[in-house]
Amino acid sequence: MDDRELPELKDPHNWDLDAPVTREGVKNPRAVVSVSLAREDLELVARVARMSGMKTSEFIREASLERARDLQYAGRAVVYVSGEFRELFRRVGEAAA
């Protein structure tokens, strides 16, 4: 479709209301989430996704779900922080493991 076809498609006089087209509904509707990453973080995630044979979006989805399930089943609270505290919390978590 190009821009010339759009006005014709929008015109109700061109609609065939006597022969509607039906299609099956979406079985697993999804939501789209926007995530901000530092360029080097995205490059790391994309590289590891490729190494795993996955698309970047698939890798992010699977990794986030895995992490959420781990935390849910462990009964832990999740605290989101940024900046210098992120590294501190990571080290504390490794030491506790």
C-alpha atoms as a PDB file:
ATOM      1  CA  MET A   1       0.000   0.000   0.000  1.00  0.00           C
ATOM      2  CA  ASP A   2       1.187   3.492  -0.728  1.00  0.00           C
ATOM      3  CA  ASP A   3      -0.020   6.973   0.201  1.00  0.00           C
ATOM      4  CA  ARG A   4      -2.213   7.176  -2.913  1.00  0.00           C
ATOM      5  CA  GLU A   5      -4.305   4.173  -1.798  1.00  0.00           C
ATOM      6  CA  LEU A   6      -4.957   5.401   1.735  1.00  0.00           C
ATOM      7  CA  PRO A   7      -7.713   7.976   0.964  1.00  0.00           C
ATOM      8  CA  GLU A   8      -9.561   5.358  -1.082  1.00  0.00           C
ATOM      9  CA  LEU A   9      -9.380   2.850   1.761  1.00  0.00           C
ATOM     10  CA  LYS A  10     -10.621   5.415   4.287  1.00  0.00           C
ATOM     11  CA  ASP A  11     -13.685   6.292   2.203  1.00  0.00           C
ATOM     12  CA  PRO A  12     -16.723   4.376   3.606  1.00  0.00           C
ATOM     13  CA  HIS A  13     -18.322   4.345   0.121  1.00  0.00           C
ATOM     14  CA  ASN A  14     -15.597   1.909  -0.941  1.00  0.00           C
ATOM     15  CA  TRP A  15     -16.224  -0.524   1.905  1.00  0.00           C
ATOM     16  CA  ASP A  16     -17.941  -3.820   1.104  1.00  0.00           C
ATOM     17  CA  LEU A  17     -20.263  -4.123   4.092  1.00  0.00           C
ATOM     18  CA  ASP A  18     -22.203  -6.997   2.510  1.00  0.00           C
ATOM     19  CA  ALA A  19     -19.177  -9.304   2.459  1.00  0.00           C
ATOM     20  CA  PRO A  20     -17.160  -8.601   5.607  1.00  0.00           C
ATOM     21  CA  VAL A  21     -13.835 -10.324   6.042  1.00  0.00           C
ATOM     22  CA  THR A  22     -13.457 -12.153   9.323  1.00  0.00           C
ATOM     23  CA  ARG A  23     -10.397 -13.586  10.897  1.00  0.00           C
ATOM     24  CA  GLU A  24      -9.565 -15.492  14.024  1.00  0.00           C
ATOM     25  CA  GLY A  25      -8.658 -13.407  17.058  1.00  0.00           C
ATOM     26  CA  VAL A  26      -5.189 -13.217  18.515  1.00  0.00           C
ATOM     27  CA  LYS A  27      -4.615 -16.169  20.848  1.00  0.00           C
ATOM     28  CA  ASN A  28      -1.756 -14.718  22.859  1.00  0.00           C
ATOM     29  CA  PRO A  29      -1.973 -10.926  22.815  1.00  0.00           C
ATOM     30  CA  ARG A  30       1.219  -9.120  23.766  1.00  0.00           C
ATOM     31  CA  ALA A  31       2.230  -5.788  25.179  1.00  0.00           C
ATOM     32  CA  VAL A  32       5.196  -3.831  23.863  1.00  0.00           C
ATOM     33  CA  VAL A  33       7.587  -2.358  26.412  1.00  0.00           C
ATOM     34  CA  SER A  34      10.235   0.256  25.755  1.00  0.00           C
ATOM     35  CA  VAL A  35      13.466  -0.166  27.715  1.00  0.00           C
ATOM     36  CA  SER A  36      16.289   2.356  27.898  1.00  0.00           C
ATOM     37  CA  LEU A  37      19.789   0.843  27.869  1.00  0.00           C
ATOM     38  CA  ALA A  38      23.214   2.391  27.668  1.00  0.00           C
ATOM     39  CA  ARG A  39      24.725   1.728  24.247  1.00  0.00           C
ATOM     40  CA  GLU A  40      27.412  -0.582  25.659  1.00  0.00           C
ATOM     41  CA  ASP A  41      24.787  -2.533  27.639  1.00  0.00           C
ATOM     42  CA  LEU A  42      22.681  -3.033  24.505  1.00  0.00           C
ATOM     43  CA  GLU A  43      25.750  -4.129  22.561  1.00  0.00           C
ATOM     44  CA  LEU A  44      26.509  -6.709  25.251  1.00  0.00           C
ATOM     45  CA  VAL A  45      22.930  -8.004  25.308  1.00  0.00           C
ATOM     46  CA  ALA A  46      22.765  -8.166  21.490  1.00  0.00           C
ATOM     47  CA  ARG A  47      26.118  -9.970  21.282  1.00  0.00           C
ATOM     48  CA  VAL A  48      25.124 -12.589  23.868  1.00  0.00           C
ATOM     49  CA  ALA A  49      21.734 -13.005  22.204  1.00  0.00           C
ATOM     50  CA  ARG A  50      23.442 -13.738  18.863  1.00  0.00           C
ATOM     51  CA  MET A  51      25.812 -16.175  20.575  1.00  0.00           C
ATOM     52  CA  SER A  52      22.739 -17.910  22.010  1.00  0.00           C
ATOM     53  CA  GLY A  53      21.067 -18.078  18.602  1.00  0.00           C
ATOM     54  CA  MET A  54      18.319 -15.684  19.679  1.00  0.00           C
ATOM     55  CA  LYS A  55      16.998 -12.323  18.545  1.00  0.00           C
ATOM     56  CA  THR A  56      17.790  -9.486  20.945  1.00  0.00           C
ATOM     57  CA  SER A  57      14.128  -9.001  21.841  1.00  0.00           C
ATOM     58  CA  GLU A  58      13.687 -12.738  22.456  1.00  0.00           C
ATOM     59  CA  PHE A  59      16.787 -12.798  24.663  1.00  0.00           C
ATOM     60  CA  ILE A  60      15.611  -9.802  26.718  1.00  0.00           C
ATOM     61  CA  ARG A  61      12.139 -11.350  27.107  1.00  0.00           C
ATOM     62  CA  GLU A  62      13.480 -14.741  28.188  1.00  0.00           C
ATOM     63  CA  ALA A  63      16.120 -13.289  30.530  1.00  0.00           C
ATOM     64  CA  SER A  64      13.661 -10.938  32.226  1.00  0.00           C
ATOM     65  CA  LEU A  65      11.059 -13.684  32.679  1.00  0.00           C
ATOM     66  CA  GLU A  66      13.675 -16.057  34.072  1.00  0.00           C
ATOM     67  CA  ARG A  67      14.858 -13.427  36.548  1.00  0.00           C
ATOM     68  CA  ALA A  68      11.306 -12.521  37.563  1.00  0.00           C
ATOM     69  CA  ARG A  69      10.418 -16.174  38.153  1.00  0.00           C
ATOM     70  CA  ASP A  70      13.595 -16.743  40.160  1.00  0.00           C
ATOM     71  CA  LEU A  71      12.824 -13.800  42.415  1.00  0.00           C
ATOM     72  CA  GLN A  72       9.165 -14.696  42.710  1.00  0.00           C
ATOM     73  CA  TYR A  73       9.892 -18.257  43.779  1.00  0.00           C
ATOM     74  CA  ALA A  74      12.632 -17.166  46.156  1.00  0.00           C
ATOM     75  CA  GLY A  75      10.139 -14.859  47.869  1.00  0.00           C
ATOM     76  CA  ARG A  76      12.511 -11.903  47.630  1.00  0.00           C
ATOM     77  CA  ALA A  77      11.650  -8.259  47.165  1.00  0.00           C
ATOM     78  CA  VAL A  78      13.178  -6.556  44.147  1.00  0.00           C
ATOM     79  CA  VAL A  79      14.802  -3.155  44.465  1.00  0.00           C
ATOM     80  CA  TYR A  80      15.666  -1.276  41.290  1.00  0.00           C
ATOM     81  CA  VAL A  81      18.593   1.102  41.546  1.00  0.00           C
ATOM     82  CA  SER A  82      20.879   2.860  39.159  1.00  0.00           C
ATOM     83  CA  GLY A  83      24.355   4.293  39.039  1.00  0.00           C
ATOM     84  CA  GLU A  84      27.074   3.297  41.467  1.00  0.00           C
ATOM     85  CA  PHE A  85      24.745   1.273  43.714  1.00  0.00           C
ATOM     86  CA  ARG A  86      24.061  -1.258  40.948  1.00  0.00           C
ATOM     87  CA  GLU A  87      27.612  -2.626  41.115  1.00  0.00           C
ATOM     88  CA  LEU A  88      27.540  -2.676  44.932  1.00  0.00           C
ATOM     89  CA  PHE A  89      24.300  -4.685  44.980  1.00  0.00           C
ATOM     90  CA  ARG A  90      25.656  -7.066  42.349  1.00  0.00           C
ATOM     91  CA  ARG A  91      28.753  -7.756  44.451  1.00  0.00           C
ATOM     92  CA  VAL A  92      26.720  -8.224  47.614  1.00  0.00           C
ATOM     93  CA  GLY A  93      24.458 -10.678  45.779  1.00  0.00           C
ATOM     94  CA  GLU A  94      27.423 -12.672  44.499  1.00  0.00           C
ATOM     95  CA  ALA A  95      28.946 -12.816  47.969  1.00  0.00           C
ATOM     96  CA  ALA A  96      25.675 -14.048  49.449  1.00  0.00           C
ATOM     97  CA  ALA A  97      25.266 -16.794  46.848  1.00  0.00           C
END
